[in-house]
N, C-alpha and C. Protein backbone atom coordinates (compact mmCIF):
# COMPACT_ATOMS: atom_id res chain seq x y z
N UNK A 1 42.82 -4.83 1.58
CA UNK A 1 43.26 -5.85 0.63
C UNK A 1 43.88 -7.00 1.42
N UNK A 2 43.61 -8.22 0.96
CA UNK A 2 44.20 -9.35 1.68
C UNK A 2 44.34 -10.57 0.78
N UNK A 3 45.11 -11.53 1.27
CA UNK A 3 45.32 -12.79 0.58
C UNK A 3 44.23 -13.76 1.02
N UNK A 4 43.35 -14.11 0.10
CA UNK A 4 42.24 -15.00 0.41
C UNK A 4 42.69 -16.45 0.50
N UNK A 5 43.55 -16.86 -0.45
CA UNK A 5 44.01 -18.25 -0.48
C UNK A 5 45.41 -18.31 -1.05
N UNK A 6 46.23 -19.19 -0.48
CA UNK A 6 47.60 -19.45 -0.95
C UNK A 6 47.60 -20.86 -1.54
N UNK A 7 47.95 -20.97 -2.83
CA UNK A 7 47.76 -22.23 -3.55
C UNK A 7 49.05 -22.69 -4.23
N UNK A 8 49.32 -23.98 -4.16
CA UNK A 8 50.49 -24.54 -4.83
C UNK A 8 50.12 -25.85 -5.51
N UNK A 9 50.98 -26.28 -6.42
CA UNK A 9 50.77 -27.55 -7.10
C UNK A 9 52.04 -28.03 -7.76
N UNK A 10 52.14 -29.32 -7.94
CA UNK A 10 53.30 -29.91 -8.61
C UNK A 10 52.87 -30.54 -9.93
N UNK A 11 53.81 -30.82 -10.80
CA UNK A 11 53.45 -31.39 -12.11
C UNK A 11 52.71 -32.71 -11.99
N UNK A 12 51.75 -32.88 -12.90
CA UNK A 12 51.05 -34.16 -13.01
C UNK A 12 50.80 -34.45 -14.48
N UNK A 13 50.72 -35.72 -14.81
CA UNK A 13 50.42 -36.12 -16.18
C UNK A 13 48.91 -36.32 -16.33
N UNK A 14 48.36 -35.74 -17.41
CA UNK A 14 46.94 -35.90 -17.69
C UNK A 14 46.76 -36.30 -19.15
N UNK A 15 45.71 -37.04 -19.42
CA UNK A 15 45.39 -37.43 -20.79
C UNK A 15 44.60 -36.31 -21.46
N UNK A 16 45.01 -35.97 -22.68
CA UNK A 16 44.34 -34.88 -23.40
C UNK A 16 44.48 -35.08 -24.90
N UNK A 17 43.34 -35.18 -25.57
CA UNK A 17 43.31 -35.33 -27.03
C UNK A 17 44.19 -36.48 -27.52
N UNK A 18 44.12 -37.59 -26.83
CA UNK A 18 44.84 -38.78 -27.25
C UNK A 18 46.29 -38.83 -26.84
N UNK A 19 46.76 -37.87 -26.09
CA UNK A 19 48.15 -37.86 -25.66
C UNK A 19 48.26 -37.58 -24.17
N UNK A 20 49.50 -37.48 -23.70
CA UNK A 20 49.78 -37.21 -22.30
C UNK A 20 50.44 -35.85 -22.18
N UNK A 21 49.92 -35.02 -21.28
CA UNK A 21 50.44 -33.68 -21.08
C UNK A 21 50.88 -33.52 -19.62
N UNK A 22 52.03 -32.90 -19.43
CA UNK A 22 52.51 -32.60 -18.08
C UNK A 22 52.09 -31.18 -17.73
N UNK A 23 51.39 -31.00 -16.62
CA UNK A 23 50.90 -29.68 -16.25
C UNK A 23 50.89 -29.50 -14.74
N UNK A 24 51.03 -28.24 -14.34
CA UNK A 24 50.95 -27.90 -12.91
C UNK A 24 49.79 -26.95 -12.64
N UNK A 25 48.82 -26.91 -13.54
CA UNK A 25 47.74 -25.94 -13.40
C UNK A 25 46.82 -26.27 -12.23
N UNK A 26 46.81 -27.52 -11.78
CA UNK A 26 46.00 -27.86 -10.60
C UNK A 26 46.71 -27.37 -9.34
N UNK A 27 46.11 -26.39 -8.68
CA UNK A 27 46.66 -25.84 -7.45
C UNK A 27 45.69 -26.11 -6.29
N UNK A 28 46.24 -26.38 -5.13
CA UNK A 28 45.44 -26.65 -3.94
C UNK A 28 45.74 -25.62 -2.85
N UNK A 29 44.70 -25.13 -2.17
CA UNK A 29 44.92 -24.20 -1.06
C UNK A 29 45.80 -24.83 0.02
N UNK A 30 46.68 -24.01 0.57
CA UNK A 30 47.60 -24.47 1.60
C UNK A 30 47.37 -23.73 2.91
N UNK A 31 47.53 -24.42 4.00
CA UNK A 31 47.43 -23.81 5.32
C UNK A 31 48.82 -23.49 5.84
N UNK A 32 48.89 -22.55 6.76
CA UNK A 32 50.16 -22.20 7.37
C UNK A 32 50.99 -21.27 6.50
N UNK A 33 52.15 -20.91 7.01
CA UNK A 33 53.03 -19.98 6.31
C UNK A 33 53.98 -20.74 5.40
N UNK A 34 54.15 -20.23 4.18
CA UNK A 34 55.04 -20.84 3.21
C UNK A 34 56.12 -19.84 2.79
N UNK A 35 57.27 -20.38 2.44
CA UNK A 35 58.40 -19.56 2.02
C UNK A 35 58.28 -19.21 0.55
N UNK A 36 58.52 -17.96 0.22
CA UNK A 36 58.57 -17.50 -1.17
C UNK A 36 60.02 -17.25 -1.53
N UNK A 37 60.49 -17.89 -2.61
CA UNK A 37 61.84 -17.66 -3.11
C UNK A 37 61.76 -16.92 -4.44
N UNK A 38 62.89 -16.68 -5.05
CA UNK A 38 62.92 -15.87 -6.27
C UNK A 38 62.22 -16.52 -7.45
N UNK A 39 61.99 -17.84 -7.40
CA UNK A 39 61.41 -18.53 -8.54
C UNK A 39 60.04 -19.15 -8.28
N UNK A 40 59.67 -19.36 -7.03
CA UNK A 40 58.35 -19.92 -6.75
C UNK A 40 58.08 -19.95 -5.24
N UNK A 41 57.01 -20.63 -4.89
CA UNK A 41 56.61 -20.79 -3.49
C UNK A 41 56.86 -22.23 -3.09
N UNK A 42 57.25 -22.46 -1.85
CA UNK A 42 57.48 -23.82 -1.39
C UNK A 42 56.26 -24.70 -1.69
N UNK A 43 56.52 -25.84 -2.30
CA UNK A 43 55.43 -26.74 -2.66
C UNK A 43 54.87 -26.51 -4.04
N UNK A 44 55.39 -25.50 -4.75
CA UNK A 44 54.91 -25.22 -6.10
C UNK A 44 56.04 -25.50 -7.09
N UNK A 45 55.65 -25.97 -8.28
CA UNK A 45 56.66 -26.26 -9.31
C UNK A 45 56.02 -26.13 -10.69
N UNK A 46 56.65 -25.36 -11.57
CA UNK A 46 56.16 -25.23 -12.93
C UNK A 46 56.57 -26.44 -13.76
N UNK A 47 55.73 -26.80 -14.75
CA UNK A 47 56.00 -28.00 -15.56
C UNK A 47 56.86 -27.71 -16.77
N UNK A 48 56.58 -26.62 -17.47
CA UNK A 48 57.29 -26.31 -18.71
C UNK A 48 57.93 -24.94 -18.57
N UNK A 49 59.21 -24.91 -18.22
CA UNK A 49 59.89 -23.65 -17.94
C UNK A 49 60.14 -22.82 -19.19
N UNK A 50 59.87 -23.37 -20.37
CA UNK A 50 60.03 -22.58 -21.59
C UNK A 50 58.92 -21.54 -21.73
N UNK A 51 57.79 -21.78 -21.09
CA UNK A 51 56.67 -20.84 -21.20
C UNK A 51 56.10 -20.43 -19.84
N UNK A 52 56.48 -21.13 -18.78
CA UNK A 52 55.98 -20.81 -17.45
C UNK A 52 57.14 -20.57 -16.50
N UNK A 53 56.87 -19.84 -15.44
CA UNK A 53 57.88 -19.65 -14.41
C UNK A 53 58.98 -18.69 -14.81
N UNK A 54 60.11 -18.79 -14.15
CA UNK A 54 61.18 -17.82 -14.32
C UNK A 54 60.96 -16.64 -13.39
N UNK A 55 61.93 -15.76 -13.35
CA UNK A 55 61.86 -14.64 -12.40
C UNK A 55 60.68 -13.72 -12.67
N UNK A 56 60.39 -13.46 -13.94
CA UNK A 56 59.29 -12.54 -14.27
C UNK A 56 57.92 -13.14 -14.01
N UNK A 57 57.82 -14.46 -13.95
CA UNK A 57 56.54 -15.13 -13.74
C UNK A 57 56.64 -16.13 -12.58
N UNK A 58 57.24 -15.68 -11.51
CA UNK A 58 57.46 -16.58 -10.37
C UNK A 58 56.16 -16.92 -9.67
N UNK A 59 55.24 -15.96 -9.60
CA UNK A 59 54.00 -16.13 -8.83
C UNK A 59 52.85 -15.53 -9.64
N UNK A 60 51.72 -16.23 -9.66
CA UNK A 60 50.54 -15.79 -10.40
C UNK A 60 49.45 -15.37 -9.41
N UNK A 61 48.89 -14.18 -9.63
CA UNK A 61 47.86 -13.61 -8.76
C UNK A 61 46.55 -13.54 -9.53
N UNK A 62 45.46 -13.98 -8.89
CA UNK A 62 44.15 -13.90 -9.53
C UNK A 62 43.13 -13.35 -8.53
N UNK A 63 42.37 -12.32 -8.93
CA UNK A 63 41.42 -11.71 -8.00
C UNK A 63 40.26 -12.64 -7.65
N UNK A 64 39.98 -12.73 -6.37
CA UNK A 64 38.85 -13.55 -5.92
C UNK A 64 37.52 -12.99 -6.43
N UNK A 65 37.50 -11.68 -6.72
CA UNK A 65 36.27 -11.04 -7.20
C UNK A 65 35.78 -11.63 -8.52
N UNK A 66 36.68 -12.26 -9.29
CA UNK A 66 36.29 -12.81 -10.59
C UNK A 66 35.53 -14.13 -10.48
N UNK A 67 35.62 -14.77 -9.34
CA UNK A 67 35.02 -16.10 -9.22
C UNK A 67 33.50 -16.06 -9.37
N UNK A 68 32.85 -15.00 -8.92
CA UNK A 68 31.40 -14.91 -9.08
C UNK A 68 31.01 -14.86 -10.55
N UNK A 69 31.79 -14.14 -11.35
CA UNK A 69 31.56 -14.11 -12.80
C UNK A 69 31.67 -15.51 -13.39
N UNK A 70 32.70 -16.24 -13.01
CA UNK A 70 32.90 -17.57 -13.59
C UNK A 70 31.87 -18.58 -13.08
N UNK A 71 31.37 -18.37 -11.88
CA UNK A 71 30.30 -19.25 -11.42
C UNK A 71 29.04 -19.08 -12.26
N UNK A 72 28.80 -17.86 -12.73
CA UNK A 72 27.66 -17.63 -13.62
C UNK A 72 27.94 -18.17 -15.02
N UNK A 73 29.16 -17.99 -15.50
CA UNK A 73 29.54 -18.43 -16.84
C UNK A 73 29.63 -19.95 -16.94
N UNK A 74 30.12 -20.57 -15.88
CA UNK A 74 30.36 -22.02 -15.88
C UNK A 74 29.64 -22.64 -14.68
N UNK A 75 28.31 -22.67 -14.71
CA UNK A 75 27.55 -23.10 -13.53
C UNK A 75 27.81 -24.53 -13.09
N UNK A 76 28.31 -25.37 -13.98
CA UNK A 76 28.56 -26.77 -13.63
C UNK A 76 30.00 -27.03 -13.20
N UNK A 77 30.83 -26.02 -13.28
CA UNK A 77 32.25 -26.20 -12.97
C UNK A 77 32.49 -26.15 -11.47
N UNK A 78 33.45 -26.95 -11.03
CA UNK A 78 33.92 -26.90 -9.65
C UNK A 78 34.97 -25.80 -9.57
N UNK A 79 34.73 -24.79 -8.74
CA UNK A 79 35.61 -23.63 -8.71
C UNK A 79 36.13 -23.34 -7.30
N UNK A 80 36.98 -24.21 -6.78
CA UNK A 80 37.64 -23.89 -5.50
C UNK A 80 38.70 -22.81 -5.74
N UNK A 81 39.15 -22.17 -4.68
CA UNK A 81 40.26 -21.23 -4.83
C UNK A 81 41.44 -21.95 -5.48
N UNK A 82 42.09 -21.28 -6.40
CA UNK A 82 43.20 -21.88 -7.13
C UNK A 82 42.78 -22.54 -8.42
N UNK A 83 41.49 -22.46 -8.77
CA UNK A 83 40.99 -23.15 -9.96
C UNK A 83 41.61 -22.63 -11.24
N UNK A 84 42.07 -21.40 -11.26
CA UNK A 84 42.66 -20.84 -12.47
C UNK A 84 44.18 -20.97 -12.49
N UNK A 85 44.69 -21.78 -11.57
CA UNK A 85 46.12 -22.02 -11.53
C UNK A 85 46.90 -20.96 -10.79
N UNK A 86 46.16 -20.09 -10.07
CA UNK A 86 46.85 -19.00 -9.38
C UNK A 86 47.49 -19.47 -8.08
N UNK A 87 48.60 -18.83 -7.75
CA UNK A 87 49.25 -19.06 -6.47
C UNK A 87 48.61 -18.23 -5.37
N UNK A 88 48.26 -16.99 -5.71
CA UNK A 88 47.67 -16.08 -4.74
C UNK A 88 46.28 -15.67 -5.21
N UNK A 89 45.27 -16.04 -4.45
CA UNK A 89 43.91 -15.57 -4.71
C UNK A 89 43.73 -14.32 -3.85
N UNK A 90 43.60 -13.18 -4.50
CA UNK A 90 43.65 -11.90 -3.79
C UNK A 90 42.27 -11.28 -3.63
N UNK A 91 42.19 -10.31 -2.76
CA UNK A 91 41.01 -9.46 -2.61
C UNK A 91 41.48 -8.01 -2.66
N UNK A 92 40.91 -7.24 -3.60
CA UNK A 92 41.24 -5.83 -3.69
C UNK A 92 42.29 -5.47 -4.70
N UNK A 93 42.69 -6.41 -5.55
CA UNK A 93 43.71 -6.14 -6.57
C UNK A 93 43.13 -6.46 -7.95
N UNK A 94 42.41 -5.51 -8.52
CA UNK A 94 41.81 -5.71 -9.84
C UNK A 94 42.73 -5.20 -10.94
N UNK A 95 42.63 -5.83 -12.11
CA UNK A 95 43.51 -5.49 -13.24
C UNK A 95 43.38 -4.04 -13.68
N UNK A 96 42.20 -3.46 -13.49
CA UNK A 96 42.00 -2.06 -13.88
C UNK A 96 42.72 -1.09 -12.95
N UNK A 97 43.09 -1.56 -11.77
CA UNK A 97 43.68 -0.68 -10.76
C UNK A 97 45.14 -0.98 -10.47
N UNK A 98 45.62 -2.12 -10.94
CA UNK A 98 47.01 -2.53 -10.71
C UNK A 98 47.81 -2.25 -11.97
N UNK A 99 48.97 -1.63 -11.81
CA UNK A 99 49.80 -1.25 -12.96
C UNK A 99 51.09 -2.05 -13.00
N UNK A 100 51.64 -2.19 -14.20
CA UNK A 100 52.96 -2.79 -14.36
C UNK A 100 53.96 -1.95 -13.57
N UNK A 101 54.74 -2.61 -12.74
CA UNK A 101 55.71 -1.90 -11.93
C UNK A 101 55.24 -1.61 -10.52
N UNK A 102 53.95 -1.77 -10.24
CA UNK A 102 53.48 -1.64 -8.87
C UNK A 102 54.15 -2.69 -7.99
N UNK A 103 54.44 -2.32 -6.76
CA UNK A 103 55.01 -3.27 -5.81
C UNK A 103 54.01 -3.51 -4.69
N UNK A 104 53.87 -4.78 -4.32
CA UNK A 104 52.95 -5.15 -3.25
C UNK A 104 53.67 -6.02 -2.23
N UNK A 105 53.24 -5.90 -0.98
CA UNK A 105 53.79 -6.73 0.08
C UNK A 105 52.70 -7.63 0.61
N UNK A 106 53.04 -8.91 0.76
CA UNK A 106 52.16 -9.90 1.35
C UNK A 106 52.99 -10.64 2.39
N UNK A 107 52.58 -10.60 3.64
CA UNK A 107 53.43 -11.17 4.67
C UNK A 107 54.76 -10.43 4.69
N UNK A 108 55.86 -11.17 4.71
CA UNK A 108 57.18 -10.55 4.68
C UNK A 108 57.79 -10.56 3.28
N UNK A 109 57.02 -10.98 2.27
CA UNK A 109 57.50 -11.02 0.89
C UNK A 109 57.02 -9.79 0.13
N UNK A 110 57.85 -9.35 -0.81
CA UNK A 110 57.49 -8.21 -1.65
C UNK A 110 57.58 -8.62 -3.11
N UNK A 111 56.63 -8.13 -3.92
CA UNK A 111 56.53 -8.52 -5.32
C UNK A 111 56.40 -7.27 -6.20
N UNK A 112 56.76 -7.42 -7.49
CA UNK A 112 56.53 -6.37 -8.47
C UNK A 112 55.72 -6.95 -9.62
N UNK A 113 54.73 -6.22 -10.09
CA UNK A 113 53.85 -6.67 -11.16
C UNK A 113 54.59 -6.59 -12.49
N UNK A 114 54.60 -7.70 -13.25
CA UNK A 114 55.40 -7.77 -14.47
C UNK A 114 54.61 -7.95 -15.76
N UNK A 115 53.44 -8.61 -15.71
CA UNK A 115 52.68 -8.84 -16.95
C UNK A 115 51.32 -9.47 -16.62
N UNK A 116 50.38 -9.35 -17.56
CA UNK A 116 49.13 -10.11 -17.43
C UNK A 116 49.39 -11.58 -17.75
N UNK A 117 48.40 -12.40 -17.48
CA UNK A 117 48.50 -13.80 -17.87
C UNK A 117 48.03 -13.96 -19.32
N UNK A 118 48.81 -14.67 -20.11
CA UNK A 118 48.44 -15.07 -21.46
C UNK A 118 48.17 -16.56 -21.41
N UNK A 119 46.92 -17.00 -21.41
CA UNK A 119 46.62 -18.42 -21.15
C UNK A 119 47.10 -19.33 -22.27
N UNK A 120 47.49 -20.53 -21.91
CA UNK A 120 47.85 -21.56 -22.88
C UNK A 120 46.78 -22.65 -22.87
N UNK A 121 46.97 -23.66 -23.70
CA UNK A 121 45.96 -24.71 -23.86
C UNK A 121 45.69 -25.48 -22.58
N UNK A 122 46.59 -25.38 -21.61
CA UNK A 122 46.40 -26.13 -20.36
C UNK A 122 45.24 -25.59 -19.54
N UNK A 123 44.87 -24.35 -19.77
CA UNK A 123 43.67 -23.85 -19.10
C UNK A 123 42.45 -24.62 -19.59
N UNK A 124 42.43 -24.94 -20.88
CA UNK A 124 41.35 -25.76 -21.42
C UNK A 124 41.34 -27.16 -20.83
N UNK A 125 42.53 -27.70 -20.58
CA UNK A 125 42.63 -29.02 -19.95
C UNK A 125 42.04 -28.96 -18.54
N UNK A 126 42.38 -27.91 -17.82
CA UNK A 126 41.91 -27.79 -16.43
C UNK A 126 40.38 -27.80 -16.34
N UNK A 127 39.74 -27.15 -17.31
CA UNK A 127 38.29 -27.06 -17.28
C UNK A 127 37.60 -28.05 -18.21
N UNK A 128 38.40 -28.81 -18.97
CA UNK A 128 37.81 -29.78 -19.89
C UNK A 128 36.99 -29.13 -20.99
N UNK A 129 37.44 -27.94 -21.44
CA UNK A 129 36.69 -27.18 -22.44
C UNK A 129 37.66 -26.63 -23.47
N UNK A 130 37.39 -26.88 -24.75
CA UNK A 130 38.23 -26.34 -25.81
C UNK A 130 38.03 -24.83 -25.98
N UNK A 131 36.93 -24.31 -25.48
CA UNK A 131 36.65 -22.88 -25.66
C UNK A 131 37.10 -22.04 -24.47
N UNK A 132 37.80 -22.64 -23.52
CA UNK A 132 38.11 -21.92 -22.29
C UNK A 132 39.10 -20.78 -22.52
N UNK A 133 40.06 -20.96 -23.40
CA UNK A 133 41.02 -19.88 -23.65
C UNK A 133 40.31 -18.66 -24.23
N UNK A 134 39.42 -18.89 -25.19
CA UNK A 134 38.67 -17.79 -25.79
C UNK A 134 37.81 -17.10 -24.74
N UNK A 135 37.12 -17.89 -23.93
CA UNK A 135 36.29 -17.32 -22.87
C UNK A 135 37.13 -16.48 -21.90
N UNK A 136 38.27 -17.00 -21.55
CA UNK A 136 39.15 -16.32 -20.60
C UNK A 136 39.61 -14.98 -21.15
N UNK A 137 40.04 -14.97 -22.41
CA UNK A 137 40.52 -13.74 -23.03
C UNK A 137 39.41 -12.71 -23.17
N UNK A 138 38.24 -13.15 -23.61
CA UNK A 138 37.12 -12.24 -23.81
C UNK A 138 36.62 -11.66 -22.49
N UNK A 139 36.82 -12.38 -21.40
CA UNK A 139 36.34 -11.91 -20.11
C UNK A 139 37.09 -10.69 -19.60
N UNK A 140 38.34 -10.52 -20.04
CA UNK A 140 39.16 -9.43 -19.54
C UNK A 140 39.68 -9.66 -18.13
N UNK A 141 39.44 -10.84 -17.61
CA UNK A 141 39.84 -11.17 -16.23
C UNK A 141 41.10 -12.03 -16.27
N UNK A 142 42.22 -11.39 -16.52
CA UNK A 142 43.46 -12.10 -16.80
C UNK A 142 44.25 -12.49 -15.55
N UNK A 143 44.10 -11.73 -14.48
CA UNK A 143 45.06 -11.87 -13.39
C UNK A 143 46.41 -11.35 -13.86
N UNK A 144 47.44 -11.53 -13.03
CA UNK A 144 48.75 -11.00 -13.42
C UNK A 144 49.87 -11.75 -12.70
N UNK A 145 51.04 -11.71 -13.33
CA UNK A 145 52.23 -12.32 -12.75
C UNK A 145 53.03 -11.28 -11.99
N UNK A 146 53.75 -11.76 -11.00
CA UNK A 146 54.65 -10.89 -10.24
C UNK A 146 56.01 -11.57 -10.11
N UNK A 147 57.05 -10.73 -10.05
CA UNK A 147 58.39 -11.19 -9.72
C UNK A 147 58.63 -10.94 -8.24
N UNK A 148 59.51 -11.72 -7.66
CA UNK A 148 59.81 -11.60 -6.23
C UNK A 148 60.92 -10.57 -6.04
N UNK A 149 60.60 -9.50 -5.33
CA UNK A 149 61.59 -8.46 -5.01
C UNK A 149 62.30 -8.80 -3.71
N UNK A 150 61.53 -9.27 -2.74
CA UNK A 150 62.08 -9.65 -1.44
C UNK A 150 61.51 -11.00 -1.04
N UNK A 151 62.38 -11.99 -0.86
CA UNK A 151 61.91 -13.28 -0.41
C UNK A 151 61.37 -13.18 1.01
N UNK A 152 60.44 -14.07 1.34
CA UNK A 152 59.85 -14.01 2.66
C UNK A 152 58.86 -15.13 2.87
N UNK A 153 57.93 -14.95 3.81
CA UNK A 153 56.91 -15.94 4.11
C UNK A 153 55.54 -15.27 4.07
N UNK A 154 54.53 -16.06 3.71
CA UNK A 154 53.18 -15.55 3.64
C UNK A 154 52.19 -16.67 3.90
N UNK A 155 50.94 -16.27 4.19
CA UNK A 155 49.90 -17.24 4.50
C UNK A 155 48.55 -16.64 4.15
N UNK A 156 47.57 -17.49 3.89
CA UNK A 156 46.22 -17.02 3.66
C UNK A 156 45.77 -16.19 4.86
N UNK A 157 45.11 -15.08 4.56
CA UNK A 157 44.68 -14.16 5.60
C UNK A 157 45.59 -12.98 5.79
N UNK A 158 46.81 -13.05 5.24
CA UNK A 158 47.73 -11.91 5.34
C UNK A 158 47.16 -10.71 4.61
N UNK A 159 47.45 -9.52 5.12
CA UNK A 159 47.05 -8.31 4.43
C UNK A 159 47.97 -8.08 3.23
N UNK A 160 47.45 -7.36 2.25
CA UNK A 160 48.20 -6.98 1.06
C UNK A 160 48.29 -5.46 1.03
N UNK A 161 49.47 -4.92 0.80
CA UNK A 161 49.64 -3.48 0.77
C UNK A 161 50.56 -3.09 -0.38
N UNK A 162 50.28 -1.96 -1.01
CA UNK A 162 51.19 -1.42 -2.00
C UNK A 162 52.38 -0.78 -1.28
N UNK A 163 53.57 -1.11 -1.74
CA UNK A 163 54.77 -0.46 -1.23
C UNK A 163 55.30 0.58 -2.20
N UNK A 164 54.82 0.51 -3.46
CA UNK A 164 55.19 1.50 -4.48
C UNK A 164 54.13 1.47 -5.57
N UNK A 165 53.69 2.66 -6.02
CA UNK A 165 52.75 2.76 -7.13
C UNK A 165 53.47 3.35 -8.34
N UNK A 166 53.42 2.63 -9.45
CA UNK A 166 54.05 3.09 -10.69
C UNK A 166 53.09 4.04 -11.40
N UNK A 167 53.05 5.27 -10.96
CA UNK A 167 52.00 6.20 -11.37
C UNK A 167 52.05 6.55 -12.86
N UNK A 168 53.20 6.46 -13.49
CA UNK A 168 53.31 6.80 -14.92
C UNK A 168 53.24 5.56 -15.80
N UNK A 169 52.89 4.42 -15.23
CA UNK A 169 52.85 3.16 -15.96
C UNK A 169 51.49 2.95 -16.62
N UNK A 170 51.23 1.73 -17.07
CA UNK A 170 49.96 1.32 -17.67
C UNK A 170 49.37 0.20 -16.83
N UNK A 171 48.05 0.20 -16.70
CA UNK A 171 47.40 -0.84 -15.91
C UNK A 171 47.49 -2.19 -16.60
N UNK A 172 47.30 -3.23 -15.84
CA UNK A 172 47.28 -4.58 -16.41
C UNK A 172 46.20 -4.69 -17.47
N UNK A 173 45.04 -4.10 -17.23
CA UNK A 173 43.95 -4.15 -18.20
C UNK A 173 44.31 -3.47 -19.51
N UNK A 174 44.99 -2.33 -19.43
CA UNK A 174 45.40 -1.63 -20.65
C UNK A 174 46.40 -2.47 -21.44
N UNK A 175 47.32 -3.12 -20.74
CA UNK A 175 48.30 -3.98 -21.42
C UNK A 175 47.59 -5.14 -22.12
N UNK A 176 46.59 -5.74 -21.47
CA UNK A 176 45.83 -6.82 -22.10
C UNK A 176 45.13 -6.32 -23.36
N UNK A 177 44.44 -5.19 -23.26
CA UNK A 177 43.73 -4.63 -24.41
C UNK A 177 44.69 -4.29 -25.53
N UNK A 178 45.86 -3.80 -25.17
CA UNK A 178 46.85 -3.43 -26.18
C UNK A 178 47.35 -4.65 -26.94
N UNK A 179 47.44 -5.77 -26.26
CA UNK A 179 47.93 -6.99 -26.92
C UNK A 179 46.86 -7.67 -27.75
N UNK A 180 45.63 -7.65 -27.29
CA UNK A 180 44.56 -8.39 -27.98
C UNK A 180 43.81 -7.53 -28.99
N UNK A 181 43.93 -6.21 -28.90
CA UNK A 181 43.19 -5.34 -29.81
C UNK A 181 43.92 -5.14 -31.13
N UNK A 182 43.17 -4.69 -32.12
CA UNK A 182 43.72 -4.46 -33.46
C UNK A 182 43.96 -2.99 -33.75
N UNK A 183 43.55 -2.11 -32.83
CA UNK A 183 43.66 -0.69 -33.09
C UNK A 183 45.12 -0.25 -33.14
N UNK A 184 45.36 0.79 -33.94
CA UNK A 184 46.70 1.35 -34.03
C UNK A 184 46.87 2.36 -32.89
N UNK A 185 47.61 1.97 -31.89
CA UNK A 185 47.79 2.80 -30.70
C UNK A 185 49.28 3.01 -30.47
N UNK A 186 49.89 3.78 -31.36
CA UNK A 186 51.34 3.95 -31.30
C UNK A 186 51.80 4.55 -29.98
N UNK A 187 51.05 5.50 -29.44
CA UNK A 187 51.47 6.13 -28.19
C UNK A 187 51.51 5.13 -27.04
N UNK A 188 50.46 4.30 -26.96
CA UNK A 188 50.43 3.30 -25.90
C UNK A 188 51.49 2.22 -26.12
N UNK A 189 51.69 1.82 -27.37
CA UNK A 189 52.72 0.83 -27.66
C UNK A 189 54.09 1.35 -27.24
N UNK A 190 54.34 2.61 -27.53
CA UNK A 190 55.63 3.19 -27.16
C UNK A 190 55.80 3.21 -25.63
N UNK A 191 54.75 3.57 -24.93
CA UNK A 191 54.82 3.58 -23.46
C UNK A 191 55.06 2.18 -22.92
N UNK A 192 54.40 1.18 -23.51
CA UNK A 192 54.57 -0.20 -23.05
C UNK A 192 56.00 -0.68 -23.26
N UNK A 193 56.56 -0.37 -24.42
CA UNK A 193 57.93 -0.79 -24.72
C UNK A 193 58.92 -0.20 -23.72
N UNK A 194 58.60 0.98 -23.22
CA UNK A 194 59.53 1.68 -22.34
C UNK A 194 59.33 1.36 -20.86
N UNK A 195 58.43 0.41 -20.55
CA UNK A 195 58.22 0.02 -19.16
C UNK A 195 59.30 -0.99 -18.74
N UNK A 196 60.22 -0.62 -17.88
CA UNK A 196 61.31 -1.54 -17.54
C UNK A 196 60.86 -2.79 -16.79
N UNK A 197 59.75 -2.71 -16.06
CA UNK A 197 59.30 -3.86 -15.29
C UNK A 197 58.48 -4.84 -16.12
N UNK A 198 58.01 -4.44 -17.30
CA UNK A 198 57.23 -5.35 -18.14
C UNK A 198 58.13 -6.47 -18.65
N UNK A 199 57.62 -7.70 -18.60
CA UNK A 199 58.41 -8.86 -19.03
C UNK A 199 58.97 -8.67 -20.43
N UNK A 200 60.18 -9.21 -20.65
CA UNK A 200 60.87 -9.01 -21.92
C UNK A 200 60.08 -9.46 -23.12
N UNK A 201 59.41 -10.61 -23.04
CA UNK A 201 58.65 -11.12 -24.16
C UNK A 201 57.52 -10.19 -24.57
N UNK A 202 56.87 -9.58 -23.59
CA UNK A 202 55.79 -8.63 -23.89
C UNK A 202 56.35 -7.35 -24.48
N UNK A 203 57.46 -6.85 -23.96
CA UNK A 203 58.07 -5.65 -24.53
C UNK A 203 58.48 -5.88 -25.97
N UNK A 204 59.04 -7.07 -26.25
CA UNK A 204 59.45 -7.38 -27.63
C UNK A 204 58.25 -7.45 -28.56
N UNK A 205 57.16 -8.03 -28.09
CA UNK A 205 55.94 -8.09 -28.90
C UNK A 205 55.48 -6.68 -29.26
N UNK A 206 55.44 -5.79 -28.26
CA UNK A 206 54.98 -4.43 -28.53
C UNK A 206 55.98 -3.66 -29.39
N UNK A 207 57.25 -3.95 -29.25
CA UNK A 207 58.28 -3.30 -30.07
C UNK A 207 58.07 -3.66 -31.54
N UNK A 208 57.77 -4.92 -31.81
CA UNK A 208 57.52 -5.34 -33.19
C UNK A 208 56.25 -4.71 -33.74
N UNK A 209 55.21 -4.64 -32.91
CA UNK A 209 53.96 -4.00 -33.34
C UNK A 209 54.20 -2.53 -33.68
N UNK A 210 54.99 -1.87 -32.85
CA UNK A 210 55.29 -0.46 -33.07
C UNK A 210 56.07 -0.28 -34.36
N UNK A 211 57.06 -1.15 -34.60
CA UNK A 211 57.85 -1.07 -35.83
C UNK A 211 56.99 -1.28 -37.07
N UNK A 212 56.02 -2.21 -36.98
CA UNK A 212 55.13 -2.46 -38.11
C UNK A 212 54.29 -1.24 -38.44
N UNK A 213 54.03 -0.42 -37.44
CA UNK A 213 53.23 0.79 -37.66
C UNK A 213 54.10 1.99 -38.03
N UNK A 214 55.42 1.76 -38.12
CA UNK A 214 56.32 2.83 -38.48
C UNK A 214 56.67 3.74 -37.33
N UNK A 215 56.40 3.28 -36.10
CA UNK A 215 56.69 4.09 -34.93
C UNK A 215 58.13 3.93 -34.49
N UNK A 216 58.58 4.86 -33.67
CA UNK A 216 59.94 4.82 -33.15
C UNK A 216 59.89 4.94 -31.63
N UNK A 217 60.98 4.54 -30.99
CA UNK A 217 61.10 4.64 -29.55
C UNK A 217 61.99 5.81 -29.22
N UNK A 218 61.51 6.70 -28.35
CA UNK A 218 62.28 7.89 -28.00
C UNK A 218 63.58 7.51 -27.29
């Protein structure tokens, strides 16, 4: 497993649907080693802290393996590393195999997996497509956010290693399916609510779903 590309971006204003939107979804690959702090990577800045960033979503990871799928889906799109707004373009970290609470080390920095990505309308702005959010969700290729456990430095080409596996947790893919599906899955909802590393907003969503189904938390 390794870090294919390290990407950062700062806020920019773009025209969209007759108005102006501030977004940081445009990320550019960076050379050399960059410092990772508790809230972001040097040279990176979130635009709207009410929905992006914070400790639970300090860094966004997206598997490089998904790019071939998107090249087939969007043959006219320009897809450099970082095209999905990710900070870390990874190799060997798929959503089906990575669980909430897993810890990974890249360079001298350590991270913990906290939640899948829930795309907002700015993904549509990035690709100039109103259907991009729907396409992204249906693809099952969400990527995931991580919180910074240990600040450090990292660079493209660094190896990625698990430092802890949350063996009793749920995979990122299962969490995505649980949020987007309509099935009554009280057992899975209960397990999700009880995951301490899962971001608070996601736990609250699942707690409400569980309550609506008449379920209880042990």
